[in-house]
Protein backbone atom coordinates (compact mmCIF):
# COMPACT_ATOMS: atom_id res chain seq x y z
CA MET A 1 -41.21 -25.17 28.51
CA SER A 2 -40.49 -25.95 24.86
CA ALA A 3 -37.03 -26.62 23.46
CA PRO A 4 -35.20 -23.77 21.76
CA ALA A 5 -35.77 -23.63 18.02
CA VAL A 6 -33.43 -25.30 15.58
CA SER A 7 -31.13 -22.74 13.94
CA GLN A 8 -32.46 -21.16 10.75
CA ARG A 9 -29.27 -22.31 9.02
CA ALA A 10 -29.86 -25.94 9.97
CA VAL A 11 -30.58 -28.33 7.15
CA ILE A 12 -31.72 -31.94 7.35
CA ASP A 13 -30.40 -33.98 4.45
CA ARG A 14 -29.25 -37.43 3.42
CA ALA A 15 -25.84 -38.41 4.71
CA GLY A 16 -23.20 -39.76 2.40
CA PRO A 17 -19.85 -41.52 2.75
CA GLY A 18 -18.17 -38.14 3.24
CA ASP A 19 -20.12 -37.74 6.50
CA LEU A 20 -18.72 -40.90 8.10
CA ASP A 21 -16.04 -39.13 10.18
CA ALA A 22 -18.59 -36.68 11.60
CA ILE A 23 -21.05 -39.50 12.30
CA MET A 24 -18.37 -41.49 14.12
CA ALA A 25 -17.51 -38.43 16.22
CA LEU A 26 -21.18 -38.19 17.23
CA GLU A 27 -21.22 -41.92 17.98
CA ARG A 28 -18.19 -41.59 20.30
CA ASP A 29 -19.76 -38.56 21.98
CA GLY A 30 -23.14 -40.18 22.47
CA PHE A 31 -22.50 -43.79 23.45
CA ASP A 32 -20.25 -45.76 25.75
CA PRO A 33 -17.76 -48.04 23.96
CA ALA A 34 -19.84 -51.19 24.46
CA SER A 35 -22.89 -49.58 22.82
CA ARG A 36 -21.22 -47.81 19.90
CA TRP A 37 -21.76 -48.78 16.30
CA SER A 38 -18.60 -49.47 14.33
CA ASP A 39 -17.38 -47.65 11.23
CA ALA A 40 -18.41 -50.73 9.23
CA SER A 41 -21.94 -50.64 10.66
CA TRP A 42 -22.40 -46.98 9.77
CA ARG A 43 -20.83 -47.50 6.34
CA ALA A 44 -23.40 -50.25 5.69
CA GLU A 45 -26.22 -47.93 6.79
CA LEU A 46 -24.97 -45.29 4.36
CA THR A 47 -24.84 -47.61 1.35
CA ARG A 48 -27.83 -49.94 1.65
CA PRO A 49 -30.75 -49.00 -0.61
CA ASP A 50 -33.40 -49.81 2.02
CA ARG A 51 -31.84 -47.40 4.52
CA CYS A 52 -31.96 -43.68 5.06
CA VAL A 53 -29.33 -41.89 7.12
CA LEU A 54 -30.20 -38.27 7.82
CA VAL A 55 -27.93 -35.61 9.27
CA ASP A 56 -28.66 -32.22 10.76
CA ARG A 57 -26.13 -29.69 9.49
CA ASP A 58 -25.63 -26.17 10.74
CA GLY A 59 -23.30 -24.78 8.12
CA THR A 60 -20.53 -27.36 7.90
CA VAL A 61 -21.11 -28.83 11.37
CA VAL A 62 -23.00 -32.14 11.62
CA ARG A 63 -24.98 -31.79 14.86
CA GLY A 64 -26.99 -35.02 14.75
CA VAL A 65 -27.67 -38.19 12.80
CA ALA A 66 -30.51 -40.70 12.55
CA ALA A 67 -30.74 -44.02 10.70
CA PHE A 68 -33.94 -45.57 9.36
CA GLN A 69 -34.96 -48.64 7.39
CA VAL A 70 -38.12 -49.67 5.54
CA VAL A 71 -39.00 -53.27 4.74
CA ALA A 72 -42.44 -53.69 3.17
CA GLU A 73 -44.92 -51.82 5.38
CA VAL A 74 -42.67 -51.56 8.44
CA ALA A 75 -40.15 -48.83 9.13
CA ASP A 76 -37.54 -48.98 11.86
CA LEU A 77 -35.72 -46.17 13.60
CA HIS A 78 -32.31 -47.74 14.21
CA ARG A 79 -30.33 -44.92 15.76
CA VAL A 80 -30.46 -41.27 16.78
CA VAL A 81 -27.53 -39.36 18.24
CA VAL A 82 -27.10 -35.63 18.75
CA ALA A 83 -23.90 -33.88 19.84
CA SER A 84 -23.95 -33.61 23.63
CA ASP A 85 -23.52 -29.82 23.51
CA ARG A 86 -26.50 -29.47 21.13
CA ARG A 87 -29.11 -31.58 22.93
CA GLY A 88 -32.44 -30.08 23.93
CA ARG A 89 -32.61 -27.85 20.84
CA GLY A 90 -35.07 -29.86 18.74
CA ILE A 91 -32.46 -31.58 16.60
CA ALA A 92 -33.52 -35.16 17.41
CA ARG A 93 -37.15 -34.17 16.90
CA ALA A 94 -36.36 -32.74 13.47
CA LEU A 95 -34.35 -35.81 12.46
CA VAL A 96 -37.04 -38.25 13.58
CA GLY A 97 -39.72 -36.12 11.93
CA ALA A 98 -37.85 -36.20 8.64
CA GLY A 99 -37.43 -39.97 9.00
CA LEU A 100 -41.15 -40.39 9.60
CA ALA A 101 -41.84 -38.47 6.40
CA TRP A 102 -39.26 -40.54 4.47
CA ALA A 103 -40.81 -43.79 5.69
CA ALA A 104 -44.35 -42.64 4.90
CA GLY A 105 -43.17 -41.68 1.42
CA ARG A 106 -41.93 -45.25 0.97
CA ARG A 107 -45.41 -46.48 1.93
CA ALA A 108 -44.52 -47.79 5.37
CA ARG A 109 -47.61 -48.00 7.56
CA HIS A 110 -45.90 -47.76 10.93
CA MET A 111 -42.50 -47.23 12.51
CA LEU A 112 -40.90 -49.25 15.29
CA LEU A 113 -38.01 -48.38 17.58
CA GLU A 114 -36.23 -49.76 20.62
CA VAL A 115 -35.09 -47.56 23.48
CA GLU A 116 -33.55 -48.29 26.85
CA HIS A 117 -36.25 -48.22 29.53
CA ASP A 118 -34.56 -45.51 31.61
CA ASN A 119 -33.59 -43.13 28.79
CA ALA A 120 -36.02 -40.45 29.96
CA PRO A 121 -35.15 -37.77 27.37
CA ALA A 122 -35.56 -40.19 24.45
CA LEU A 123 -38.78 -41.65 25.87
CA ALA A 124 -40.25 -38.17 26.31
CA LEU A 125 -39.35 -37.26 22.72
CA TYR A 126 -40.78 -40.46 21.25
CA ARG A 127 -44.02 -40.09 23.22
CA ARG A 128 -44.36 -36.46 22.06
CA LEU A 129 -43.95 -37.71 18.49
CA GLY A 130 -46.80 -40.20 18.93
CA PHE A 131 -44.91 -43.42 19.70
CA ALA A 132 -46.49 -45.78 22.22
CA GLU A 133 -45.01 -48.75 24.04
CA LEU A 134 -45.69 -52.04 22.30
CA THR A 135 -43.68 -54.44 24.48
CA ARG A 136 -40.68 -54.69 26.78
CA ARG A 137 -37.58 -56.84 26.21
CA LYS A 138 -36.13 -57.73 29.59
CA ASP A 139 -32.32 -57.52 29.88
CA TYR A 140 -32.04 -56.72 26.16
CA TYR A 141 -29.09 -54.36 26.68
CA GLY A 142 -27.62 -56.41 29.56
CA ALA A 143 -28.61 -57.31 33.10
CA GLY A 144 -31.22 -54.84 34.35
CA ARG A 145 -31.15 -52.87 31.09
CA HIS A 146 -34.48 -53.42 29.38
CA ALA A 147 -35.58 -52.30 25.93
CA LEU A 148 -38.96 -50.78 25.27
CA VAL A 149 -40.27 -51.46 21.79
CA MET A 150 -42.37 -48.53 20.65
CA ARG A 151 -44.60 -48.05 17.62
CA ARG A 152 -46.18 -45.17 15.77
CA ASP A 153 -48.62 -45.32 12.89
CA LEU A 154 -47.50 -43.24 9.93
CA ALA A 155 -50.84 -41.97 8.70
CA GLY A 156 -50.40 -38.19 8.58
CA ALA A 157 -46.62 -38.32 9.08
CA VAL A 158 -45.94 -35.98 6.17
CA ASP A 159 -48.49 -33.39 7.25
CA GLY A 160 -48.03 -33.91 11.00
CA VAL A 161 -44.37 -34.27 11.87
CA GLY A 162 -42.29 -34.44 8.77
CA MET A 163 -40.48 -32.65 6.01
CA LYS A 164 -42.93 -29.76 5.64
CA GLU A 165 -42.30 -28.81 9.25
CA LEU A 166 -38.57 -28.55 8.63
CA ALA A 167 -38.78 -25.90 5.89
């Protein structure tokens, strides 16, 4: 069964400093205190020129956020969080798709990400989007909490999963 469609009013766009409070609310909703990014971390993501922070807005409500970086030919997906009451509606897919298109537009050749080995919803999403496991980092998030490093080539990102799909 496919996820319900993203609202027709939803817009994916670049986040700015005025979105920090909404982003921090998502961060508190989506992560335990030990795993949360700080205000300072998000502020840095919002202001660095090699970064792209995207938000999904439905009217004035920020429903999700994703942070990306490109250095030379390598893009990284740093973070994705969607409001807990909005999960399963295609928001994370739309955010990651837009990030893939952004990275491809900056001439990145592939994108990397790290995800906890037992985060089944995230793993399913990333695999559907064409990411494959590259390696495993044992105990990366703490004892018994391993990270999977995943990679996706970006050839076709704009025409496959990307900005055109979000229109």
